[in-house]
C-alpha atoms as a PDB file:
ATOM      1  CA  MET A   1      78.553   7.356  46.980  1.00  0.00           C
ATOM      2  CA  ASN A   2      81.939   5.706  46.961  1.00  0.00           C
ATOM      3  CA  PHE A   3      81.920   1.982  46.143  1.00  0.00           C
ATOM      4  CA  ALA A   4      85.270   0.442  46.993  1.00  0.00           C
ATOM      5  CA  ALA A   5      83.880  -3.026  46.296  1.00  0.00           C
ATOM      6  CA  PHE A   6      82.822  -2.434  42.660  1.00  0.00           C
ATOM      7  CA  ASN A   7      83.137  -5.757  40.839  1.00  0.00           C
ATOM      8  CA  GLU A   8      84.071  -4.942  37.240  1.00  0.00           C
ATOM      9  CA  ARG A   9      83.706  -8.596  36.184  1.00  0.00           C
ATOM     10  CA  VAL A  10      80.090  -8.709  37.398  1.00  0.00           C
ATOM     11  CA  ALA A  11      79.347  -5.402  35.642  1.00  0.00           C
ATOM     12  CA  ASP A  12      80.836  -6.748  32.404  1.00  0.00           C
ATOM     13  CA  GLN A  13      78.712  -9.914  32.661  1.00  0.00           C
ATOM     14  CA  LEU A  14      75.577  -7.814  33.181  1.00  0.00           C
ATOM     15  CA  LYS A  15      76.363  -5.393  30.355  1.00  0.00           C
ATOM     16  CA  ASP A  16      74.833  -7.698  27.718  1.00  0.00           C
ATOM     17  CA  ALA A  17      72.565  -9.687  30.053  1.00  0.00           C
ATOM     18  CA  ALA A  18      69.418  -7.729  29.218  1.00  0.00           C
ATOM     19  CA  VAL A  19      69.770  -8.817  25.592  1.00  0.00           C
ATOM     20  CA  THR A  20      71.077 -12.355  26.053  1.00  0.00           C
ATOM     21  CA  ALA A  21      69.054 -13.533  29.073  1.00  0.00           C
ATOM     22  CA  GLY A  22      65.660 -13.375  27.384  1.00  0.00           C
ATOM     23  CA  GLY A  23      62.606 -13.060  29.593  1.00  0.00           C
ATOM     24  CA  LEU A  24      60.830  -9.742  30.049  1.00  0.00           C
ATOM     25  CA  ALA A  25      64.014  -7.677  29.691  1.00  0.00           C
ATOM     26  CA  GLY A  26      64.718  -9.370  26.370  1.00  0.00           C
ATOM     27  CA  TYR A  27      61.135  -9.000  25.150  1.00  0.00           C
ATOM     28  CA  LEU A  28      61.057  -5.300  26.021  1.00  0.00           C
ATOM     29  CA  GLY A  29      64.461  -4.845  24.398  1.00  0.00           C
ATOM     30  CA  PHE A  30      66.394  -3.337  27.304  1.00  0.00           C
ATOM     31  CA  ARG A  31      69.996  -2.470  26.494  1.00  0.00           C
ATOM     32  CA  HIS A  32      72.593  -1.624  29.138  1.00  0.00           C
ATOM     33  CA  THR A  33      74.694   1.173  27.651  1.00  0.00           C
ATOM     34  CA  ALA A  34      76.824   2.205  30.650  1.00  0.00           C
ATOM     35  CA  PHE A  35      77.677   0.545  33.939  1.00  0.00           C
ATOM     36  CA  VAL A  36      79.940   2.147  36.529  1.00  0.00           C
ATOM     37  CA  ALA A  37      80.055   1.961  40.318  1.00  0.00           C
ATOM     38  CA  GLY A  38      76.611   2.950  41.566  1.00  0.00           C
ATOM     39  CA  ARG A  39      75.151   3.840  38.164  1.00  0.00           C
ATOM     40  CA  LEU A  40      73.439   1.951  35.342  1.00  0.00           C
ATOM     41  CA  VAL A  41      72.229   3.474  32.081  1.00  0.00           C
ATOM     42  CA  ALA A  42      69.744   1.436  30.052  1.00  0.00           C
ATOM     43  CA  GLU A  43      67.661   2.024  26.930  1.00  0.00           C
ATOM     44  CA  MET A  44      64.363   0.785  25.506  1.00  0.00           C
ATOM     45  CA  ASP A  45      62.752   1.711  22.198  1.00  0.00           C
ATOM     46  CA  ALA A  46      59.116   2.823  22.086  1.00  0.00           C
ATOM     47  CA  ARG A  47      58.046   0.064  19.684  1.00  0.00           C
ATOM     48  CA  ASP A  48      54.564  -0.029  18.188  1.00  0.00           C
ATOM     49  CA  ASP A  49      53.777  -3.420  19.771  1.00  0.00           C
ATOM     50  CA  LEU A  50      54.335  -1.896  23.239  1.00  0.00           C
ATOM     51  CA  LYS A  51      51.899   0.980  22.746  1.00  0.00           C
ATOM     52  CA  THR A  52      48.335   1.441  23.929  1.00  0.00           C
ATOM     53  CA  PRO A  53      45.474   1.929  21.451  1.00  0.00           C
ATOM     54  CA  PHE A  54      46.062   5.669  21.978  1.00  0.00           C
ATOM     55  CA  GLY A  55      49.587   5.438  20.514  1.00  0.00           C
ATOM     56  CA  ASN A  56      51.566   5.842  23.731  1.00  0.00           C
ATOM     57  CA  LEU A  57      54.040   3.454  25.305  1.00  0.00           C
ATOM     58  CA  HIS A  58      52.213   1.464  27.994  1.00  0.00           C
ATOM     59  CA  GLY A  59      53.101   2.655  31.509  1.00  0.00           C
ATOM     60  CA  GLY A  60      53.770  -0.939  32.486  1.00  0.00           C
ATOM     61  CA  CYS A  61      56.777  -0.928  30.152  1.00  0.00           C
ATOM     62  CA  LEU A  62      58.263   2.038  32.017  1.00  0.00           C
ATOM     63  CA  SER A  63      57.432   0.352  35.321  1.00  0.00           C
ATOM     64  CA  ALA A  64      59.210  -2.820  34.179  1.00  0.00           C
ATOM     65  CA  MET A  65      62.218  -0.740  33.145  1.00  0.00           C
ATOM     66  CA  VAL A  66      62.334   0.887  36.585  1.00  0.00           C
ATOM     67  CA  ASP A  67      62.149  -2.490  38.343  1.00  0.00           C
ATOM     68  CA  HIS A  68      64.811  -3.978  36.080  1.00  0.00           C
ATOM     69  CA  CYS A  69      67.262  -1.120  36.612  1.00  0.00           C
ATOM     70  CA  LEU A  70      66.503  -1.008  40.343  1.00  0.00           C
ATOM     71  CA  GLY A  71      67.717  -4.561  40.748  1.00  0.00           C
ATOM     72  CA  VAL A  72      70.588  -4.678  38.271  1.00  0.00           C
ATOM     73  CA  VAL A  73      72.380  -1.528  39.463  1.00  0.00           C
ATOM     74  CA  PHE A  74      73.229  -3.194  42.802  1.00  0.00           C
ATOM     75  CA  TYR A  75      74.867  -6.425  41.619  1.00  0.00           C
ATOM     76  CA  PRO A  76      78.426  -5.109  41.055  1.00  0.00           C
ATOM     77  CA  VAL A  77      78.541  -3.501  44.524  1.00  0.00           C
ATOM     78  CA  ILE A  78      77.108  -6.252  46.732  1.00  0.00           C
ATOM     79  CA  PRO A  79      79.057  -9.314  47.894  1.00  0.00           C
ATOM     80  CA  GLU A  80      79.457 -11.886  45.134  1.00  0.00           C
ATOM     81  CA  GLY A  81      76.899 -14.669  45.464  1.00  0.00           C
ATOM     82  CA  SER A  82      74.334 -12.334  47.032  1.00  0.00           C
ATOM     83  CA  TRP A  83      71.207 -11.244  45.216  1.00  0.00           C
ATOM     84  CA  VAL A  84      68.614  -8.486  45.490  1.00  0.00           C
ATOM     85  CA  ALA A  85      64.834  -8.560  45.625  1.00  0.00           C
ATOM     86  CA  THR A  86      62.713  -5.501  44.965  1.00  0.00           C
ATOM     87  CA  THR A  87      60.938  -4.532  48.166  1.00  0.00           C
ATOM     88  CA  GLU A  88      59.057  -1.561  46.800  1.00  0.00           C
ATOM     89  CA  PHE A  89      59.237   1.242  44.300  1.00  0.00           C
ATOM     90  CA  LYS A  90      57.249   4.335  43.506  1.00  0.00           C
ATOM     91  CA  LEU A  91      57.158   5.984  40.152  1.00  0.00           C
ATOM     92  CA  ASN A  92      55.673   9.111  38.692  1.00  0.00           C
ATOM     93  CA  LEU A  93      54.721   8.942  35.024  1.00  0.00           C
ATOM     94  CA  LEU A  94      55.245  12.539  33.910  1.00  0.00           C
ATOM     95  CA  ARG A  95      54.727  12.596  30.143  1.00  0.00           C
ATOM     96  CA  PRO A  96      53.503  10.188  27.485  1.00  0.00           C
ATOM     97  CA  VAL A  97      56.022   8.475  25.217  1.00  0.00           C
ATOM     98  CA  SER A  98      55.016   7.796  21.633  1.00  0.00           C
ATOM     99  CA  THR A  99      58.292   7.579  19.689  1.00  0.00           C
ATOM    100  CA  GLY A 100      62.025   7.294  20.117  1.00  0.00           C
ATOM    101  CA  THR A 101      64.139   5.738  22.812  1.00  0.00           C
ATOM    102  CA  CYS A 102      63.673   5.834  26.568  1.00  0.00           C
ATOM    103  CA  VAL A 103      66.903   6.226  28.535  1.00  0.00           C
ATOM    104  CA  ALA A 104      66.905   5.178  32.194  1.00  0.00           C
ATOM    105  CA  VAL A 105      69.607   6.317  34.588  1.00  0.00           C
ATOM    106  CA  ALA A 106      69.678   4.392  37.865  1.00  0.00           C
ATOM    107  CA  ASP A 107      71.790   5.784  40.694  1.00  0.00           C
ATOM    108  CA  ILE A 108      72.325   4.131  44.061  1.00  0.00           C
ATOM    109  CA  VAL A 109      71.312   6.530  46.825  1.00  0.00           C
ATOM    110  CA  ALA A 110      72.045   4.285  49.827  1.00  0.00           C
ATOM    111  CA  LEU A 111      73.410   0.806  50.397  1.00  0.00           C
ATOM    112  CA  GLY A 112      73.587  -1.101  53.641  1.00  0.00           C
ATOM    113  CA  ARG A 113      74.261  -4.720  54.483  1.00  0.00           C
ATOM    114  CA  THR A 114      70.625  -5.818  53.994  1.00  0.00           C
ATOM    115  CA  SER A 115      68.970  -3.105  51.892  1.00  0.00           C
ATOM    116  CA  GLY A 116      69.591  -0.498  49.249  1.00  0.00           C
ATOM    117  CA  VAL A 117      67.812   2.482  47.711  1.00  0.00           C
ATOM    118  CA  ALA A 118      68.135   3.732  44.145  1.00  0.00           C
ATOM    119  CA  ARG A 119      66.675   6.547  42.099  1.00  0.00           C
ATOM    120  CA  ILE A 120      65.744   5.920  38.489  1.00  0.00           C
ATOM    121  CA  ASP A 121      64.963   8.717  36.037  1.00  0.00           C
ATOM    122  CA  ILE A 122      63.764   7.940  32.513  1.00  0.00           C
ATOM    123  CA  THR A 123      64.005  10.437  29.673  1.00  0.00           C
ATOM    124  CA  ASN A 124      62.705  10.384  26.109  1.00  0.00           C
ATOM    125  CA  ASP A 125      64.048  12.856  23.557  1.00  0.00           C
ATOM    126  CA  GLY A 126      65.752  14.744  26.392  1.00  0.00           C
ATOM    127  CA  ARG A 127      62.598  15.201  28.466  1.00  0.00           C
ATOM    128  CA  THR A 128      61.958  13.451  31.771  1.00  0.00           C
ATOM    129  CA  VAL A 129      59.040  11.041  31.389  1.00  0.00           C
ATOM    130  CA  CYS A 130      59.349   9.038  34.614  1.00  0.00           C
ATOM    131  CA  ALA A 131      60.857   9.674  38.048  1.00  0.00           C
ATOM    132  CA  ALA A 132      61.151   6.742  40.428  1.00  0.00           C
ATOM    133  CA  GLN A 133      62.754   5.555  43.624  1.00  0.00           C
ATOM    134  CA  GLY A 134      62.883   2.062  45.031  1.00  0.00           C
ATOM    135  CA  THR A 135      64.226  -0.195  47.733  1.00  0.00           C
ATOM    136  CA  VAL A 136      65.775  -3.629  47.433  1.00  0.00           C
ATOM    137  CA  THR A 137      66.531  -6.272  50.022  1.00  0.00           C
ATOM    138  CA  VAL A 138      70.046  -7.659  49.784  1.00  0.00           C
ATOM    139  CA  VAL A 139      70.033 -11.409  50.392  1.00  0.00           C
ATOM    140  CA  SER A 140      73.380 -12.905  51.346  1.00  0.00           C
ATOM    141  CA  GLY A 141      74.664 -15.818  49.303  1.00  0.00           C
ATOM    142  CA  ARG A 142      74.619 -19.226  50.956  1.00  0.00           C
ATOM    143  CA  THR A 143      77.826 -20.600  52.293  1.00  0.00           C
ATOM    144  CA  THR A 144      78.370 -24.360  52.290  1.00  0.00           C
END
């Protein structure tokens, strides 16, 4: 997709937001490593404290990563002052993750005035471990 309205300033502000904002993204250690029009790349390490008793990264961590990327990827291409809310997403957990770094690539598939769709693929050591797609509602900023 072509995004004529890509806001570089917003993308720059969000580049470090996963680390500096705290909350779940901070706890899980998300790092935004690339941000261009319509695409976000983020990373998360498979830490021991995020693993199940069986030694695999909990699926909820991958789900949280999908939801995080689904929302963040839209901010530089929607009108400033607007925000997005996840409407739904579906993910397929394809392989267990026990070590290394998970890399999520979120690509915007469609964007309208009130909704958007993105695809998020997560890899670990070069192998796809999660495939997801989700929809957000774009909420216009209030004017005073």
